[in-house]
C-alpha atoms as a PDB file:
ATOM      1  CA  MET A   1     107.191  76.334  93.050  1.00  0.00           C
ATOM      2  CA  THR A   2     104.312  74.017  92.449  1.00  0.00           C
ATOM      3  CA  ASP A   3     102.958  70.767  93.813  1.00  0.00           C
ATOM      4  CA  GLY A   4     103.175  69.287  90.342  1.00  0.00           C
ATOM      5  CA  SER A   5      99.500  69.601  89.413  1.00  0.00           C
ATOM      6  CA  GLY A   6      98.507  73.109  90.411  1.00  0.00           C
ATOM      7  CA  PHE A   7      99.415  76.625  89.327  1.00  0.00           C
ATOM      8  CA  ASP A   8     103.049  76.959  88.290  1.00  0.00           C
ATOM      9  CA  LEU A   9     104.519  79.971  90.087  1.00  0.00           C
ATOM     10  CA  THR A  10     107.986  79.532  88.591  1.00  0.00           C
ATOM     11  CA  PRO A  11     107.553  82.025  85.731  1.00  0.00           C
ATOM     12  CA  TYR A  12     106.708  84.722  88.264  1.00  0.00           C
ATOM     13  CA  LEU A  13     108.864  83.851  91.273  1.00  0.00           C
ATOM     14  CA  GLY A  14     111.611  81.646  89.872  1.00  0.00           C
ATOM     15  CA  GLY A  15     114.107  84.399  89.146  1.00  0.00           C
ATOM     16  CA  PHE A  16     112.938  87.062  91.570  1.00  0.00           C
ATOM     17  CA  PRO A  17     111.049  85.467  94.478  1.00  0.00           C
ATOM     18  CA  LEU A  18     109.596  88.577  96.099  1.00  0.00           C
ATOM     19  CA  ILE A  19     105.863  89.277  96.382  1.00  0.00           C
ATOM     20  CA  ALA A  20     104.856  92.925  96.742  1.00  0.00           C
ATOM     21  CA  ILE A  21     102.016  93.357  99.250  1.00  0.00           C
ATOM     22  CA  LEU A  22     100.350  96.732  98.653  1.00  0.00           C
ATOM     23  CA  ARG A  23      98.167  96.919 101.748  1.00  0.00           C
ATOM     24  CA  GLY A  24      96.188 100.137 101.853  1.00  0.00           C
ATOM     25  CA  VAL A  25      97.058 101.206  98.304  1.00  0.00           C
ATOM     26  CA  THR A  26      94.487 103.513  96.750  1.00  0.00           C
ATOM     27  CA  LEU A  27      93.144 103.409  93.229  1.00  0.00           C
ATOM     28  CA  ALA A  28      95.064 106.594  92.440  1.00  0.00           C
ATOM     29  CA  GLN A  29      98.343 105.146  93.775  1.00  0.00           C
ATOM     30  CA  VAL A  30      98.210 101.656  92.359  1.00  0.00           C
ATOM     31  CA  ASP A  31      99.429 102.358  88.810  1.00  0.00           C
ATOM     32  CA  PRO A  32     102.502 104.447  89.690  1.00  0.00           C
ATOM     33  CA  VAL A  33     103.468 102.189  92.600  1.00  0.00           C
ATOM     34  CA  ALA A  34     103.105  99.048  90.493  1.00  0.00           C
ATOM     35  CA  GLY A  35     105.078 100.712  87.716  1.00  0.00           C
ATOM     36  CA  ILE A  36     108.009 101.276  90.065  1.00  0.00           C
ATOM     37  CA  LEU A  37     107.954  97.684  91.280  1.00  0.00           C
ATOM     38  CA  LEU A  38     107.480  96.042  87.896  1.00  0.00           C
ATOM     39  CA  GLY A  39     110.296  98.157  86.527  1.00  0.00           C
ATOM     40  CA  ARG A  40     112.605  96.800  89.224  1.00  0.00           C
ATOM     41  CA  GLY A  41     111.847  93.137  88.704  1.00  0.00           C
ATOM     42  CA  TRP A  42     108.684  92.313  90.611  1.00  0.00           C
ATOM     43  CA  ARG A  43     106.305  89.950  88.847  1.00  0.00           C
ATOM     44  CA  VAL A  44     103.828  89.240  91.673  1.00  0.00           C
ATOM     45  CA  ILE A  45     101.644  91.945  93.185  1.00  0.00           C
ATOM     46  CA  GLU A  46      99.162  91.282  95.968  1.00  0.00           C
ATOM     47  CA  ILE A  47      96.498  93.795  96.960  1.00  0.00           C
ATOM     48  CA  PRO A  48      94.856  92.868 100.282  1.00  0.00           C
ATOM     49  CA  LEU A  49      91.081  93.011 100.135  1.00  0.00           C
ATOM     50  CA  ASN A  50      90.937  95.320 103.144  1.00  0.00           C
ATOM     51  CA  SER A  51      92.569  98.027 101.009  1.00  0.00           C
ATOM     52  CA  PRO A  52      90.395 100.836  99.583  1.00  0.00           C
ATOM     53  CA  ASP A  53      88.756  99.824  96.277  1.00  0.00           C
ATOM     54  CA  ALA A  54      90.818  96.632  96.255  1.00  0.00           C
ATOM     55  CA  LEU A  55      88.883  94.865  93.516  1.00  0.00           C
ATOM     56  CA  GLN A  56      89.033  97.925  91.275  1.00  0.00           C
ATOM     57  CA  SER A  57      92.785  98.146  91.812  1.00  0.00           C
ATOM     58  CA  ILE A  58      93.167  94.450  90.978  1.00  0.00           C
ATOM     59  CA  ALA A  59      91.101  94.919  87.828  1.00  0.00           C
ATOM     60  CA  LYS A  60      93.177  97.928  86.815  1.00  0.00           C
ATOM     61  CA  LEU A  61      96.516  96.163  87.271  1.00  0.00           C
ATOM     62  CA  SER A  62      95.308  92.911  85.735  1.00  0.00           C
ATOM     63  CA  ALA A  63      94.162  94.705  82.589  1.00  0.00           C
ATOM     64  CA  ALA A  64      97.428  96.600  82.266  1.00  0.00           C
ATOM     65  CA  HIS A  65      99.966  93.992  83.380  1.00  0.00           C
ATOM     66  CA  GLY A  66      98.252  90.602  83.569  1.00  0.00           C
ATOM     67  CA  SER A  67     100.065  89.287  80.513  1.00  0.00           C
ATOM     68  CA  HIS A  68     103.441  89.405  82.240  1.00  0.00           C
ATOM     69  CA  ALA A  69     102.695  89.700  85.973  1.00  0.00           C
ATOM     70  CA  LEU A  70     100.686  87.729  88.494  1.00  0.00           C
ATOM     71  CA  VAL A  71      98.192  90.082  90.119  1.00  0.00           C
ATOM     72  CA  GLY A  72      95.740  89.128  92.827  1.00  0.00           C
ATOM     73  CA  ALA A  73      94.431  89.564  96.325  1.00  0.00           C
ATOM     74  CA  GLY A  74      95.556  89.065  99.877  1.00  0.00           C
ATOM     75  CA  THR A  75      93.520  88.731 103.074  1.00  0.00           C
ATOM     76  CA  VAL A  76      91.074  86.506 101.202  1.00  0.00           C
ATOM     77  CA  MET A  77      88.750  84.900 103.719  1.00  0.00           C
ATOM     78  CA  THR A  78      85.882  83.208 101.822  1.00  0.00           C
ATOM     79  CA  PRO A  79      85.167  81.285  98.603  1.00  0.00           C
ATOM     80  CA  ASP A  80      82.892  84.148  97.515  1.00  0.00           C
ATOM     81  CA  GLN A  81      85.857  86.517  97.691  1.00  0.00           C
ATOM     82  CA  VAL A  82      87.877  84.139  95.523  1.00  0.00           C
ATOM     83  CA  ARG A  83      85.219  84.385  92.837  1.00  0.00           C
ATOM     84  CA  GLU A  84      85.100  88.178  93.145  1.00  0.00           C
ATOM     85  CA  VAL A  85      88.858  88.394  92.645  1.00  0.00           C
ATOM     86  CA  ARG A  86      88.619  86.153  89.618  1.00  0.00           C
ATOM     87  CA  GLN A  87      85.859  88.337  88.138  1.00  0.00           C
ATOM     88  CA  ALA A  88      88.168  91.331  88.605  1.00  0.00           C
ATOM     89  CA  GLY A  89      90.848  89.552  86.568  1.00  0.00           C
ATOM     90  CA  GLY A  90      93.052  88.478  89.476  1.00  0.00           C
ATOM     91  CA  ARG A  91      94.886  85.169  89.308  1.00  0.00           C
ATOM     92  CA  LEU A  92      96.407  84.997  92.790  1.00  0.00           C
ATOM     93  CA  ILE A  93      94.798  84.249  96.163  1.00  0.00           C
ATOM     94  CA  VAL A  94      96.816  84.840  99.339  1.00  0.00           C
ATOM     95  CA  MET A  95      95.330  84.122 102.746  1.00  0.00           C
ATOM     96  CA  PRO A  96      96.317  84.815 106.355  1.00  0.00           C
ATOM     97  CA  HIS A  97      94.964  81.377 107.283  1.00  0.00           C
ATOM     98  CA  SER A  98      94.539  77.918 105.782  1.00  0.00           C
ATOM     99  CA  ASP A  99      90.859  77.340 104.980  1.00  0.00           C
ATOM    100  CA  PRO A 100      90.482  74.313 102.668  1.00  0.00           C
ATOM    101  CA  ASP A 101      87.262  75.734 101.203  1.00  0.00           C
ATOM    102  CA  VAL A 102      89.083  78.871 100.065  1.00  0.00           C
ATOM    103  CA  ILE A 103      92.024  76.863  98.726  1.00  0.00           C
ATOM    104  CA  GLY A 104      89.640  74.536  96.921  1.00  0.00           C
ATOM    105  CA  GLU A 105      87.740  77.392  95.300  1.00  0.00           C
ATOM    106  CA  ALA A 106      90.985  78.944  94.085  1.00  0.00           C
ATOM    107  CA  ARG A 107      91.953  75.594  92.603  1.00  0.00           C
ATOM    108  CA  VAL A 108      88.574  75.254  90.862  1.00  0.00           C
ATOM    109  CA  CYS A 109      88.986  78.773  89.455  1.00  0.00           C
ATOM    110  CA  GLY A 110      92.457  77.968  88.122  1.00  0.00           C
ATOM    111  CA  MET A 111      94.128  80.534  90.368  1.00  0.00           C
ATOM    112  CA  ALA A 112      97.364  80.380  92.313  1.00  0.00           C
ATOM    113  CA  CYS A 113      96.791  79.991  96.054  1.00  0.00           C
ATOM    114  CA  ILE A 114      99.244  80.706  98.861  1.00  0.00           C
ATOM    115  CA  PRO A 115      97.598  80.129 102.260  1.00  0.00           C
ATOM    116  CA  GLY A 116      99.031  81.268 105.558  1.00  0.00           C
ATOM    117  CA  VAL A 117     100.323  78.559 107.885  1.00  0.00           C
ATOM    118  CA  ALA A 118     102.082  78.608 111.238  1.00  0.00           C
ATOM    119  CA  THR A 119     102.525  74.909 112.046  1.00  0.00           C
ATOM    120  CA  PRO A 120     103.560  71.799 110.090  1.00  0.00           C
ATOM    121  CA  THR A 121     100.074  70.365 110.654  1.00  0.00           C
ATOM    122  CA  GLU A 122      98.521  73.389 108.947  1.00  0.00           C
ATOM    123  CA  ALA A 123     101.124  73.239 106.212  1.00  0.00           C
ATOM    124  CA  PHE A 124     100.488  69.633 105.245  1.00  0.00           C
ATOM    125  CA  ALA A 125      96.707  70.149 105.426  1.00  0.00           C
ATOM    126  CA  ALA A 126      97.037  73.124 103.076  1.00  0.00           C
ATOM    127  CA  LEU A 127      99.089  71.060 100.629  1.00  0.00           C
ATOM    128  CA  ARG A 128      96.459  68.306 100.682  1.00  0.00           C
ATOM    129  CA  ALA A 129      93.822  70.936  99.900  1.00  0.00           C
ATOM    130  CA  GLY A 130      95.782  72.103  96.854  1.00  0.00           C
ATOM    131  CA  ALA A 131      98.025  74.978  97.961  1.00  0.00           C
ATOM    132  CA  ASP A 132     100.657  76.010  95.426  1.00  0.00           C
ATOM    133  CA  ALA A 133     103.074  77.475  97.990  1.00  0.00           C
ATOM    134  CA  LEU A 134     102.975  78.247 101.707  1.00  0.00           C
ATOM    135  CA  LYS A 135     102.967  81.640 103.386  1.00  0.00           C
ATOM    136  CA  LEU A 136     104.826  81.284 106.696  1.00  0.00           C
ATOM    137  CA  PHE A 137     102.941  83.812 108.785  1.00  0.00           C
ATOM    138  CA  PRO A 138     103.788  85.665 110.884  1.00  0.00           C
ATOM    139  CA  ALA A 139     107.470  85.350 110.088  1.00  0.00           C
ATOM    140  CA  GLU A 140     108.360  87.168 113.303  1.00  0.00           C
ATOM    141  CA  GLN A 141     107.349  83.956 115.107  1.00  0.00           C
ATOM    142  CA  LEU A 142     108.779  81.592 112.486  1.00  0.00           C
ATOM    143  CA  GLY A 143     112.469  82.407 112.340  1.00  0.00           C
ATOM    144  CA  PRO A 144     115.180  80.782 110.221  1.00  0.00           C
ATOM    145  CA  SER A 145     115.573  77.862 112.630  1.00  0.00           C
ATOM    146  CA  VAL A 146     111.884  77.007 112.151  1.00  0.00           C
ATOM    147  CA  VAL A 147     112.192  77.321 108.378  1.00  0.00           C
ATOM    148  CA  LYS A 148     115.176  74.959 108.430  1.00  0.00           C
ATOM    149  CA  ALA A 149     113.179  72.366 110.366  1.00  0.00           C
ATOM    150  CA  TRP A 150     110.212  72.713 108.021  1.00  0.00           C
ATOM    151  CA  ARG A 151     112.359  72.442 104.927  1.00  0.00           C
ATOM    152  CA  ALA A 152     113.706  69.109 106.142  1.00  0.00           C
ATOM    153  CA  VAL A 153     110.228  67.573 105.949  1.00  0.00           C
ATOM    154  CA  MET A 154     108.400  69.592 103.270  1.00  0.00           C
ATOM    155  CA  PRO A 155     108.482  68.579  99.595  1.00  0.00           C
ATOM    156  CA  LYS A 156     111.403  70.389  97.965  1.00  0.00           C
ATOM    157  CA  ARG A 157     109.215  71.668  95.140  1.00  0.00           C
ATOM    158  CA  ILE A 158     106.949  73.554  97.562  1.00  0.00           C
ATOM    159  CA  GLY A 159     107.770  77.219  98.051  1.00  0.00           C
ATOM    160  CA  LEU A 160     108.112  78.411 101.644  1.00  0.00           C
ATOM    161  CA  MET A 161     107.451  82.160 101.735  1.00  0.00           C
ATOM    162  CA  PRO A 162     107.967  83.940 105.071  1.00  0.00           C
ATOM    163  CA  VAL A 163     105.769  87.029 105.438  1.00  0.00           C
ATOM    164  CA  GLY A 164     105.827  89.618 108.197  1.00  0.00           C
ATOM    165  CA  GLY A 165     108.648  91.920 109.220  1.00  0.00           C
ATOM    166  CA  ILE A 166     111.111  90.789 106.544  1.00  0.00           C
ATOM    167  CA  THR A 167     113.899  93.320 105.979  1.00  0.00           C
ATOM    168  CA  PRO A 168     116.682  93.369 103.376  1.00  0.00           C
ATOM    169  CA  ASP A 169     119.119  92.383 106.123  1.00  0.00           C
ATOM    170  CA  SER A 170     117.066  89.409 107.333  1.00  0.00           C
ATOM    171  CA  MET A 171     116.537  87.772 103.953  1.00  0.00           C
ATOM    172  CA  GLY A 172     119.850  85.921 103.840  1.00  0.00           C
ATOM    173  CA  ALA A 173     119.343  83.910 107.020  1.00  0.00           C
ATOM    174  CA  TYR A 174     115.902  82.773 105.875  1.00  0.00           C
ATOM    175  CA  LEU A 175     117.077  81.828 102.396  1.00  0.00           C
ATOM    176  CA  ARG A 176     120.010  79.854 103.738  1.00  0.00           C
ATOM    177  CA  ALA A 177     117.605  78.012 106.040  1.00  0.00           C
ATOM    178  CA  GLY A 178     115.500  76.943 103.070  1.00  0.00           C
ATOM    179  CA  ALA A 179     113.019  79.732 102.388  1.00  0.00           C
ATOM    180  CA  SER A 180     112.045  80.124  98.739  1.00  0.00           C
ATOM    181  CA  GLY A 181     111.174  83.812  98.772  1.00  0.00           C
ATOM    182  CA  PHE A 182     109.225  86.425 100.682  1.00  0.00           C
ATOM    183  CA  GLY A 183     106.087  88.474 100.867  1.00  0.00           C
ATOM    184  CA  LEU A 184     107.015  92.096 101.536  1.00  0.00           C
ATOM    185  CA  GLY A 185     104.476  94.442 103.066  1.00  0.00           C
ATOM    186  CA  GLY A 186     105.127  97.484 105.224  1.00  0.00           C
ATOM    187  CA  GLY A 187     108.872  97.356 104.694  1.00  0.00           C
ATOM    188  CA  LEU A 188     108.279  97.925 100.983  1.00  0.00           C
ATOM    189  CA  PHE A 189     105.099 100.006 100.805  1.00  0.00           C
ATOM    190  CA  LYS A 190     102.862 102.030 103.062  1.00  0.00           C
ATOM    191  CA  PRO A 191     100.094 104.289 101.712  1.00  0.00           C
ATOM    192  CA  GLN A 192     101.708 107.399 103.186  1.00  0.00           C
ATOM    193  CA  MET A 193     105.022 106.844 101.395  1.00  0.00           C
ATOM    194  CA  THR A 194     105.997 109.023  98.466  1.00  0.00           C
ATOM    195  CA  LEU A 195     106.891 107.364  95.188  1.00  0.00           C
ATOM    196  CA  ASP A 196     110.522 108.222  95.834  1.00  0.00           C
ATOM    197  CA  GLU A 197     110.333 106.403  99.173  1.00  0.00           C
ATOM    198  CA  VAL A 198     108.775 103.342  97.532  1.00  0.00           C
ATOM    199  CA  ALA A 199     111.498 103.361  94.888  1.00  0.00           C
ATOM    200  CA  HIS A 200     114.183 103.612  97.572  1.00  0.00           C
ATOM    201  CA  ARG A 201     112.729 100.729  99.581  1.00  0.00           C
ATOM    202  CA  ALA A 202     112.343  98.659  96.434  1.00  0.00           C
ATOM    203  CA  GLY A 203     115.975  99.296  95.552  1.00  0.00           C
ATOM    204  CA  GLN A 204     117.109  98.065  98.956  1.00  0.00           C
ATOM    205  CA  TYR A 205     115.245  94.774  98.567  1.00  0.00           C
ATOM    206  CA  VAL A 206     116.450  94.339  94.989  1.00  0.00           C
ATOM    207  CA  GLY A 207     120.024  94.943  96.079  1.00  0.00           C
ATOM    208  CA  ALA A 208     119.707  92.420  98.892  1.00  0.00           C
ATOM    209  CA  TRP A 209     118.313  89.780  96.551  1.00  0.00           C
ATOM    210  CA  GLN A 210     120.934  90.411  93.873  1.00  0.00           C
ATOM    211  CA  ALA A 211     123.675  89.944  96.456  1.00  0.00           C
ATOM    212  CA  LEU A 212     122.161  86.642  97.580  1.00  0.00           C
ATOM    213  CA  ALA A 213     121.082  85.243  94.206  1.00  0.00           C
ATOM    214  CA  PRO A 214     124.434  83.668  93.184  1.00  0.00           C
ATOM    215  CA  GLU A 215     124.624  81.800  96.471  1.00  0.00           C
ATOM    216  CA  MET A 216     121.023  80.614  96.183  1.00  0.00           C
ATOM    217  CA  ASN A 217     121.418  79.574  92.547  1.00  0.00           C
ATOM    218  CA  SER A 218     124.526  77.584  93.466  1.00  0.00           C
ATOM    219  CA  ARG A 219     122.663  75.882  96.283  1.00  0.00           C
ATOM    220  CA  ASN A 220     119.775  74.918  94.022  1.00  0.00           C
ATOM    221  CA  SER A 221     121.854  73.734  91.058  1.00  0.00           C
END
């Protein structure tokens, strides 16, 4: 999952291609929630910047888990925010849009960058700007048939990551169409969930991926 010259996402997404999006997580919640997810296989955790104390949460997780997990920010809108995330120890920039200035700043900072795209024109522009993978957003409008069409023309090494409304039951159709993995938000975590609820949701996604992994590995071999 790289364009060949950028940030290599394979160590973090190659075996378990699910990004945990902890929108709204609080500083008090972030350690126990991340502990549940990391214990079940997650290696990429995104904390959207419109969450409470987002930079502090990123700093906390980066200090504790940055040696073996990729921690960073979502809903990044400006180059200044890229630098703030880097100062907090984050190494991942995820965007809802495809701003070449933000992508370029992430590249300069040596960070992984996954911009949001909704058309092939946006996708190829993001790749030219230095994107490491593409967030297909919102996935509710970009179903498996769209992913299949995109995969036919996108470089095979580029990860296509649908985000938005992905459920354990919907993962298979996207993966068979050519998706590389997913960003999981409200289906995995909401601030009002108990830790037991988060663990249950995480288990459902893990089970869905484990059931699909042999088929996907065979396809990619």
